[in-house]
Amino acid sequence: MKGFTLLEVLIATVLTALILSAVYGAYTTGLESVQTARETARMNQTARALLEMMKREIQCAAGEDLMLLRVEDRELDGRPADRIELITTASPSAAVDVRTGLYRVAYEMMKDPKGEGYVLYRTQEPLAGEAAFAGRQFYQLSRWVWGFDLAYQDREGNLQESWTEDAAGSMEKLPMLLKLKLMLKTDSGQERVFTMAVHPELAGPPL
């Protein structure tokens, strides 16, 4: 019987290596696609959860003597990093519109003490109701937030970048509309902007 020549063995080895490389390349490409899809889904869920939480609290912003809605137009490293503080009747632990007390809440983007990115923080202080004894609480919401920008529409329909004692004429009135913008960046570098417009219920009928 005639055996394989060295040339035939080399050709077979090269062909096998090419086939294995193609299979491995297809596998890694598919795996990367799955990981990217999962990260995108997680990013969408994170943005939706953050915006819905803010929306519910802004919609339930307290009015009259209890009214407080203060927004500061800030930047971090050239990125929008606004701060919002308000008093709301929305319960922070409820996924639906449940009002069980009075809370002072604030959202603020700061530098990540553990890395080069940023963190969106939430401060919560119960003022009345069942949880009033809990005191001020501080939460890290997400390390994917790389921009937090807010704009406000006053009763004349004008847009304001901040809402403080010197903005929009008076702190005694709630803005008619708040426009929230979150810029998220994942660990792999995916970036996306999410927006939402919110009308505080006690601000009166929408324009």
C-alpha atoms as a PDB file:
ATOM      1  CA  MET A   1       0.000   0.000   0.000  1.00  0.00           C
ATOM      2  CA  LYS A   2       1.156   3.443  -0.867  1.00  0.00           C
ATOM      3  CA  GLY A   3       1.226   5.952   2.051  1.00  0.00           C
ATOM      4  CA  PHE A   4       0.664   9.684   2.051  1.00  0.00           C
ATOM      5  CA  THR A   5       3.462  11.884   0.881  1.00  0.00           C
ATOM      6  CA  LEU A   6       4.759  14.705   3.022  1.00  0.00           C
ATOM      7  CA  LEU A   7       3.213  17.221   0.629  1.00  0.00           C
ATOM      8  CA  GLU A   8      -0.223  15.638   0.952  1.00  0.00           C
ATOM      9  CA  VAL A   9       0.037  15.691   4.742  1.00  0.00           C
ATOM     10  CA  LEU A  10       1.002  19.359   4.684  1.00  0.00           C
ATOM     11  CA  ILE A  11      -1.894  20.227   2.362  1.00  0.00           C
ATOM     12  CA  ALA A  12      -4.347  18.339   4.573  1.00  0.00           C
ATOM     13  CA  THR A  13      -2.994  20.121   7.657  1.00  0.00           C
ATOM     14  CA  VAL A  14      -3.356  23.545   6.020  1.00  0.00           C
ATOM     15  CA  LEU A  15      -6.918  22.799   4.868  1.00  0.00           C
ATOM     16  CA  THR A  16      -7.870  21.579   8.338  1.00  0.00           C
ATOM     17  CA  ALA A  17      -6.428  24.735   9.897  1.00  0.00           C
ATOM     18  CA  LEU A  18      -8.365  26.925   7.448  1.00  0.00           C
ATOM     19  CA  ILE A  19     -11.620  25.130   8.192  1.00  0.00           C
ATOM     20  CA  LEU A  20     -11.086  25.374  11.955  1.00  0.00           C
ATOM     21  CA  SER A  21     -10.225  29.071  11.649  1.00  0.00           C
ATOM     22  CA  ALA A  22     -13.413  29.716   9.681  1.00  0.00           C
ATOM     23  CA  VAL A  23     -15.518  27.819  12.218  1.00  0.00           C
ATOM     24  CA  TYR A  24     -13.877  29.634  15.143  1.00  0.00           C
ATOM     25  CA  GLY A  25     -14.321  32.996  13.423  1.00  0.00           C
ATOM     26  CA  ALA A  26     -18.018  32.333  12.864  1.00  0.00           C
ATOM     27  CA  TYR A  27     -18.386  31.234  16.494  1.00  0.00           C
ATOM     28  CA  THR A  28     -16.658  34.300  17.952  1.00  0.00           C
ATOM     29  CA  THR A  29     -18.600  36.628  15.640  1.00  0.00           C
ATOM     30  CA  GLY A  30     -21.855  35.041  16.730  1.00  0.00           C
ATOM     31  CA  LEU A  31     -20.824  35.221  20.377  1.00  0.00           C
ATOM     32  CA  GLU A  32     -19.919  38.904  20.064  1.00  0.00           C
ATOM     33  CA  SER A  33     -23.270  39.592  18.394  1.00  0.00           C
ATOM     34  CA  VAL A  34     -25.116  37.892  21.245  1.00  0.00           C
ATOM     35  CA  GLN A  35     -23.119  39.820  23.858  1.00  0.00           C
ATOM     36  CA  THR A  36     -23.741  43.105  22.022  1.00  0.00           C
ATOM     37  CA  ALA A  37     -27.469  42.380  21.809  1.00  0.00           C
ATOM     38  CA  ARG A  38     -27.618  41.577  25.525  1.00  0.00           C
ATOM     39  CA  GLU A  39     -25.722  44.746  26.410  1.00  0.00           C
ATOM     40  CA  THR A  40     -28.006  46.822  24.191  1.00  0.00           C
ATOM     41  CA  ALA A  41     -31.072  45.316  25.865  1.00  0.00           C
ATOM     42  CA  ARG A  42     -29.609  46.023  29.298  1.00  0.00           C
ATOM     43  CA  MET A  43     -28.841  49.612  28.279  1.00  0.00           C
ATOM     44  CA  ASN A  44     -32.423  50.111  27.069  1.00  0.00           C
ATOM     45  CA  GLN A  45     -33.804  48.644  30.301  1.00  0.00           C
ATOM     46  CA  THR A  46     -31.529  50.865  32.414  1.00  0.00           C
ATOM     47  CA  ALA A  47     -32.566  54.023  30.577  1.00  0.00           C
ATOM     48  CA  ARG A  48     -36.250  53.129  30.710  1.00  0.00           C
ATOM     49  CA  ALA A  49     -36.125  52.393  34.452  1.00  0.00           C
ATOM     50  CA  LEU A  50     -34.291  55.647  35.260  1.00  0.00           C
ATOM     51  CA  LEU A  51     -36.523  57.837  33.105  1.00  0.00           C
ATOM     52  CA  GLU A  52     -39.740  56.227  34.355  1.00  0.00           C
ATOM     53  CA  MET A  53     -38.675  56.734  37.974  1.00  0.00           C
ATOM     54  CA  MET A  54     -37.916  60.415  37.353  1.00  0.00           C
ATOM     55  CA  LYS A  55     -41.126  60.846  35.363  1.00  0.00           C
ATOM     56  CA  ARG A  56     -43.304  59.480  38.158  1.00  0.00           C
ATOM     57  CA  GLU A  57     -41.669  61.708  40.774  1.00  0.00           C
ATOM     58  CA  ILE A  58     -41.824  64.842  38.606  1.00  0.00           C
ATOM     59  CA  GLN A  59     -45.470  64.217  37.734  1.00  0.00           C
ATOM     60  CA  CYS A  60     -46.208  64.034  41.470  1.00  0.00           C
ATOM     61  CA  ALA A  61     -44.154  67.126  42.362  1.00  0.00           C
ATOM     62  CA  ALA A  62     -45.661  68.946  45.344  1.00  0.00           C
ATOM     63  CA  GLY A  63     -47.188  72.376  44.834  1.00  0.00           C
ATOM     64  CA  GLU A  64     -48.179  75.482  46.801  1.00  0.00           C
ATOM     65  CA  ASP A  65     -46.432  75.830  50.193  1.00  0.00           C
ATOM     66  CA  LEU A  66     -44.572  72.519  49.781  1.00  0.00           C
ATOM     67  CA  MET A  67     -43.305  73.253  46.278  1.00  0.00           C
ATOM     68  CA  LEU A  68     -39.630  72.773  45.577  1.00  0.00           C
ATOM     69  CA  LEU A  69     -38.212  72.147  42.138  1.00  0.00           C
ATOM     70  CA  ARG A  70     -34.679  73.369  41.673  1.00  0.00           C
ATOM     71  CA  VAL A  71     -32.529  72.546  38.680  1.00  0.00           C
ATOM     72  CA  GLU A  72     -28.908  73.539  38.166  1.00  0.00           C
ATOM     73  CA  ASP A  73     -27.274  73.629  34.742  1.00  0.00           C
ATOM     74  CA  ARG A  74     -23.885  71.922  35.273  1.00  0.00           C
ATOM     75  CA  GLU A  75     -21.065  70.288  33.342  1.00  0.00           C
ATOM     76  CA  LEU A  76     -18.403  67.659  34.080  1.00  0.00           C
ATOM     77  CA  ASP A  77     -15.419  67.482  31.717  1.00  0.00           C
ATOM     78  CA  GLY A  78     -17.476  69.285  29.091  1.00  0.00           C
ATOM     79  CA  ARG A  79     -20.408  66.875  29.442  1.00  0.00           C
ATOM     80  CA  PRO A  80     -23.888  67.928  30.595  1.00  0.00           C
ATOM     81  CA  ALA A  81     -24.257  66.937  34.256  1.00  0.00           C
ATOM     82  CA  ASP A  82     -27.327  68.772  35.528  1.00  0.00           C
ATOM     83  CA  ARG A  83     -28.745  68.424  39.024  1.00  0.00           C
ATOM     84  CA  ILE A  84     -32.451  68.316  39.876  1.00  0.00           C
ATOM     85  CA  GLU A  85     -34.026  68.492  43.332  1.00  0.00           C
ATOM     86  CA  LEU A  86     -37.743  68.368  44.126  1.00  0.00           C
ATOM     87  CA  ILE A  87     -40.356  67.453  46.697  1.00  0.00           C
ATOM     88  CA  THR A  88     -42.686  64.703  45.510  1.00  0.00           C
ATOM     89  CA  THR A  89     -45.588  62.655  46.829  1.00  0.00           C
ATOM     90  CA  ALA A  90     -44.644  59.586  44.767  1.00  0.00           C
ATOM     91  CA  SER A  91     -43.502  56.584  46.774  1.00  0.00           C
ATOM     92  CA  PRO A  92     -39.973  55.562  45.670  1.00  0.00           C
ATOM     93  CA  SER A  93     -40.685  51.881  46.326  1.00  0.00           C
ATOM     94  CA  ALA A  94     -43.799  51.693  44.154  1.00  0.00           C
ATOM     95  CA  ALA A  95     -43.707  50.705  40.497  1.00  0.00           C
ATOM     96  CA  VAL A  96     -47.056  52.421  39.922  1.00  0.00           C
ATOM     97  CA  ASP A  97     -48.545  55.758  40.946  1.00  0.00           C
ATOM     98  CA  VAL A  98     -48.780  55.240  44.716  1.00  0.00           C
ATOM     99  CA  ARG A  99     -48.570  58.244  47.052  1.00  0.00           C
ATOM    100  CA  THR A 100     -47.818  57.353  50.639  1.00  0.00           C
ATOM    101  CA  GLY A 101     -45.851  60.317  51.953  1.00  0.00           C
ATOM    102  CA  LEU A 102     -43.679  63.269  51.104  1.00  0.00           C
ATOM    103  CA  TYR A 103     -40.103  62.961  49.857  1.00  0.00           C
ATOM    104  CA  ARG A 104     -37.277  65.291  48.938  1.00  0.00           C
ATOM    105  CA  VAL A 105     -35.346  63.686  46.092  1.00  0.00           C
ATOM    106  CA  ALA A 106     -32.372  64.772  44.014  1.00  0.00           C
ATOM    107  CA  TYR A 107     -30.531  63.371  40.998  1.00  0.00           C
ATOM    108  CA  GLU A 108     -26.931  64.293  40.309  1.00  0.00           C
ATOM    109  CA  MET A 109     -24.137  63.007  38.051  1.00  0.00           C
ATOM    110  CA  MET A 110     -20.662  62.834  39.590  1.00  0.00           C
ATOM    111  CA  LYS A 111     -17.263  61.379  38.724  1.00  0.00           C
ATOM    112  CA  ASP A 112     -16.915  57.679  39.431  1.00  0.00           C
ATOM    113  CA  PRO A 113     -14.570  57.318  42.441  1.00  0.00           C
ATOM    114  CA  LYS A 114     -13.625  53.824  41.218  1.00  0.00           C
ATOM    115  CA  GLY A 115     -12.879  54.625  37.594  1.00  0.00           C
ATOM    116  CA  GLU A 116     -12.705  57.179  34.816  1.00  0.00           C
ATOM    117  CA  GLY A 117     -16.443  57.339  34.105  1.00  0.00           C
ATOM    118  CA  TYR A 118     -19.388  58.847  35.908  1.00  0.00           C
ATOM    119  CA  VAL A 119     -22.155  57.745  38.261  1.00  0.00           C
ATOM    120  CA  LEU A 120     -25.749  58.936  38.499  1.00  0.00           C
ATOM    121  CA  TYR A 121     -26.703  59.300  42.159  1.00  0.00           C
ATOM    122  CA  ARG A 122     -30.104  59.648  43.798  1.00  0.00           C
ATOM    123  CA  THR A 123     -30.642  61.245  47.192  1.00  0.00           C
ATOM    124  CA  GLN A 124     -33.887  60.506  49.003  1.00  0.00           C
ATOM    125  CA  GLU A 125     -35.144  62.064  52.241  1.00  0.00           C
ATOM    126  CA  PRO A 126     -38.599  61.165  53.614  1.00  0.00           C
ATOM    127  CA  LEU A 127     -40.339  64.251  55.024  1.00  0.00           C
ATOM    128  CA  ALA A 128     -43.665  62.743  56.081  1.00  0.00           C
ATOM    129  CA  GLY A 129     -45.509  59.457  56.107  1.00  0.00           C
ATOM    130  CA  GLU A 130     -44.543  55.962  57.163  1.00  0.00           C
ATOM    131  CA  ALA A 131     -40.846  56.275  56.229  1.00  0.00           C
ATOM    132  CA  ALA A 132     -40.169  59.700  57.781  1.00  0.00           C
ATOM    133  CA  PHE A 133     -37.895  58.149  60.427  1.00  0.00           C
ATOM    134  CA  ALA A 134     -35.502  56.679  57.838  1.00  0.00           C
ATOM    135  CA  GLY A 135     -33.499  59.872  57.266  1.00  0.00           C
ATOM    136  CA  ARG A 136     -31.545  60.789  54.152  1.00  0.00           C
ATOM    137  CA  GLN A 137     -30.487  57.920  51.894  1.00  0.00           C
ATOM    138  CA  PHE A 138     -27.916  57.946  49.088  1.00  0.00           C
ATOM    139  CA  TYR A 139     -28.039  55.555  46.106  1.00  0.00           C
ATOM    140  CA  GLN A 140     -25.783  54.815  43.136  1.00  0.00           C
ATOM    141  CA  LEU A 141     -28.139  54.289  40.205  1.00  0.00           C
ATOM    142  CA  SER A 142     -25.882  53.621  37.213  1.00  0.00           C
ATOM    143  CA  ARG A 143     -22.263  53.828  36.058  1.00  0.00           C
ATOM    144  CA  TRP A 144     -23.371  53.945  32.440  1.00  0.00           C
ATOM    145  CA  VAL A 145     -24.676  57.524  32.543  1.00  0.00           C
ATOM    146  CA  TRP A 146     -22.220  59.795  30.720  1.00  0.00           C
ATOM    147  CA  GLY A 147     -24.530  62.779  30.350  1.00  0.00           C
ATOM    148  CA  PHE A 148     -27.604  64.156  32.152  1.00  0.00           C
ATOM    149  CA  ASP A 149     -29.258  67.183  30.573  1.00  0.00           C
ATOM    150  CA  LEU A 150     -32.521  68.894  31.472  1.00  0.00           C
ATOM    151  CA  ALA A 151     -34.504  71.726  29.921  1.00  0.00           C
ATOM    152  CA  TYR A 152     -37.683  73.396  31.158  1.00  0.00           C
ATOM    153  CA  GLN A 153     -40.600  75.090  29.490  1.00  0.00           C
ATOM    154  CA  ASP A 154     -42.177  77.985  31.388  1.00  0.00           C
ATOM    155  CA  ARG A 155     -45.789  79.145  31.181  1.00  0.00           C
ATOM    156  CA  GLU A 156     -45.006  81.372  28.217  1.00  0.00           C
ATOM    157  CA  GLY A 157     -43.602  78.422  26.279  1.00  0.00           C
ATOM    158  CA  ASN A 158     -39.965  79.520  26.599  1.00  0.00           C
ATOM    159  CA  LEU A 159     -37.249  76.920  27.199  1.00  0.00           C
ATOM    160  CA  GLN A 160     -34.969  77.389  30.225  1.00  0.00           C
ATOM    161  CA  GLU A 161     -31.722  75.534  30.901  1.00  0.00           C
ATOM    162  CA  SER A 162     -32.102  75.934  34.676  1.00  0.00           C
ATOM    163  CA  TRP A 163     -34.968  76.460  37.114  1.00  0.00           C
ATOM    164  CA  THR A 164     -33.837  78.290  40.247  1.00  0.00           C
ATOM    165  CA  GLU A 165     -34.771  81.413  42.184  1.00  0.00           C
ATOM    166  CA  ASP A 166     -33.391  83.528  39.334  1.00  0.00           C
ATOM    167  CA  ALA A 167     -34.890  81.547  36.453  1.00  0.00           C
ATOM    168  CA  ALA A 168     -38.319  81.746  34.834  1.00  0.00           C
ATOM    169  CA  GLY A 169     -39.291  84.692  37.021  1.00  0.00           C
ATOM    170  CA  SER A 170     -40.386  82.786  40.114  1.00  0.00           C
ATOM    171  CA  MET A 171     -39.776  79.613  42.094  1.00  0.00           C
ATOM    172  CA  GLU A 172     -43.428  79.714  43.191  1.00  0.00           C
ATOM    173  CA  LYS A 173     -44.564  77.966  40.030  1.00  0.00           C
ATOM    174  CA  LEU A 174     -43.721  74.614  38.540  1.00  0.00           C
ATOM    175  CA  PRO A 175     -42.478  74.480  34.937  1.00  0.00           C
ATOM    176  CA  MET A 176     -45.077  73.369  32.425  1.00  0.00           C
ATOM    177  CA  LEU A 177     -42.771  70.783  30.891  1.00  0.00           C
ATOM    178  CA  LEU A 178     -39.454  69.159  31.729  1.00  0.00           C
ATOM    179  CA  LYS A 179     -37.341  67.552  29.029  1.00  0.00           C
ATOM    180  CA  LEU A 180     -34.998  64.846  30.308  1.00  0.00           C
ATOM    181  CA  LYS A 181     -32.016  63.578  28.332  1.00  0.00           C
ATOM    182  CA  LEU A 182     -29.815  60.670  29.410  1.00  0.00           C
ATOM    183  CA  MET A 183     -26.615  59.781  27.573  1.00  0.00           C
ATOM    184  CA  LEU A 184     -25.557  56.200  28.304  1.00  0.00           C
ATOM    185  CA  LYS A 185     -22.256  54.497  27.486  1.00  0.00           C
ATOM    186  CA  THR A 186     -21.775  50.785  28.128  1.00  0.00           C
ATOM    187  CA  ASP A 187     -18.621  48.978  29.211  1.00  0.00           C
ATOM    188  CA  SER A 188     -17.930  47.994  25.591  1.00  0.00           C
ATOM    189  CA  GLY A 189     -18.276  51.577  24.365  1.00  0.00           C
ATOM    190  CA  GLN A 190     -21.835  51.547  23.001  1.00  0.00           C
ATOM    191  CA  GLU A 191     -23.364  55.021  23.249  1.00  0.00           C
ATOM    192  CA  ARG A 192     -26.991  56.082  22.974  1.00  0.00           C
ATOM    193  CA  VAL A 193     -29.165  59.057  23.931  1.00  0.00           C
ATOM    194  CA  PHE A 194     -32.580  58.607  25.586  1.00  0.00           C
ATOM    195  CA  THR A 195     -35.122  61.411  26.017  1.00  0.00           C
ATOM    196  CA  MET A 196     -38.458  61.930  27.738  1.00  0.00           C
ATOM    197  CA  ALA A 197     -40.799  64.899  28.265  1.00  0.00           C
ATOM    198  CA  VAL A 198     -42.708  65.170  31.571  1.00  0.00           C
ATOM    199  CA  HIS A 199     -45.584  67.457  32.597  1.00  0.00           C
ATOM    200  CA  PRO A 200     -45.948  68.065  36.374  1.00  0.00           C
ATOM    201  CA  GLU A 201     -49.610  67.514  37.269  1.00  0.00           C
ATOM    202  CA  LEU A 202     -49.852  70.566  39.563  1.00  0.00           C
ATOM    203  CA  ALA A 203     -48.378  72.910  36.950  1.00  0.00           C
ATOM    204  CA  GLY A 204     -51.801  73.210  35.347  1.00  0.00           C
ATOM    205  CA  PRO A 205     -53.131  72.103  31.950  1.00  0.00           C
ATOM    206  CA  PRO A 206     -50.430  71.521  29.304  1.00  0.00           C
ATOM    207  CA  LEU A 207     -49.877  74.317  26.803  1.00  0.00           C
END
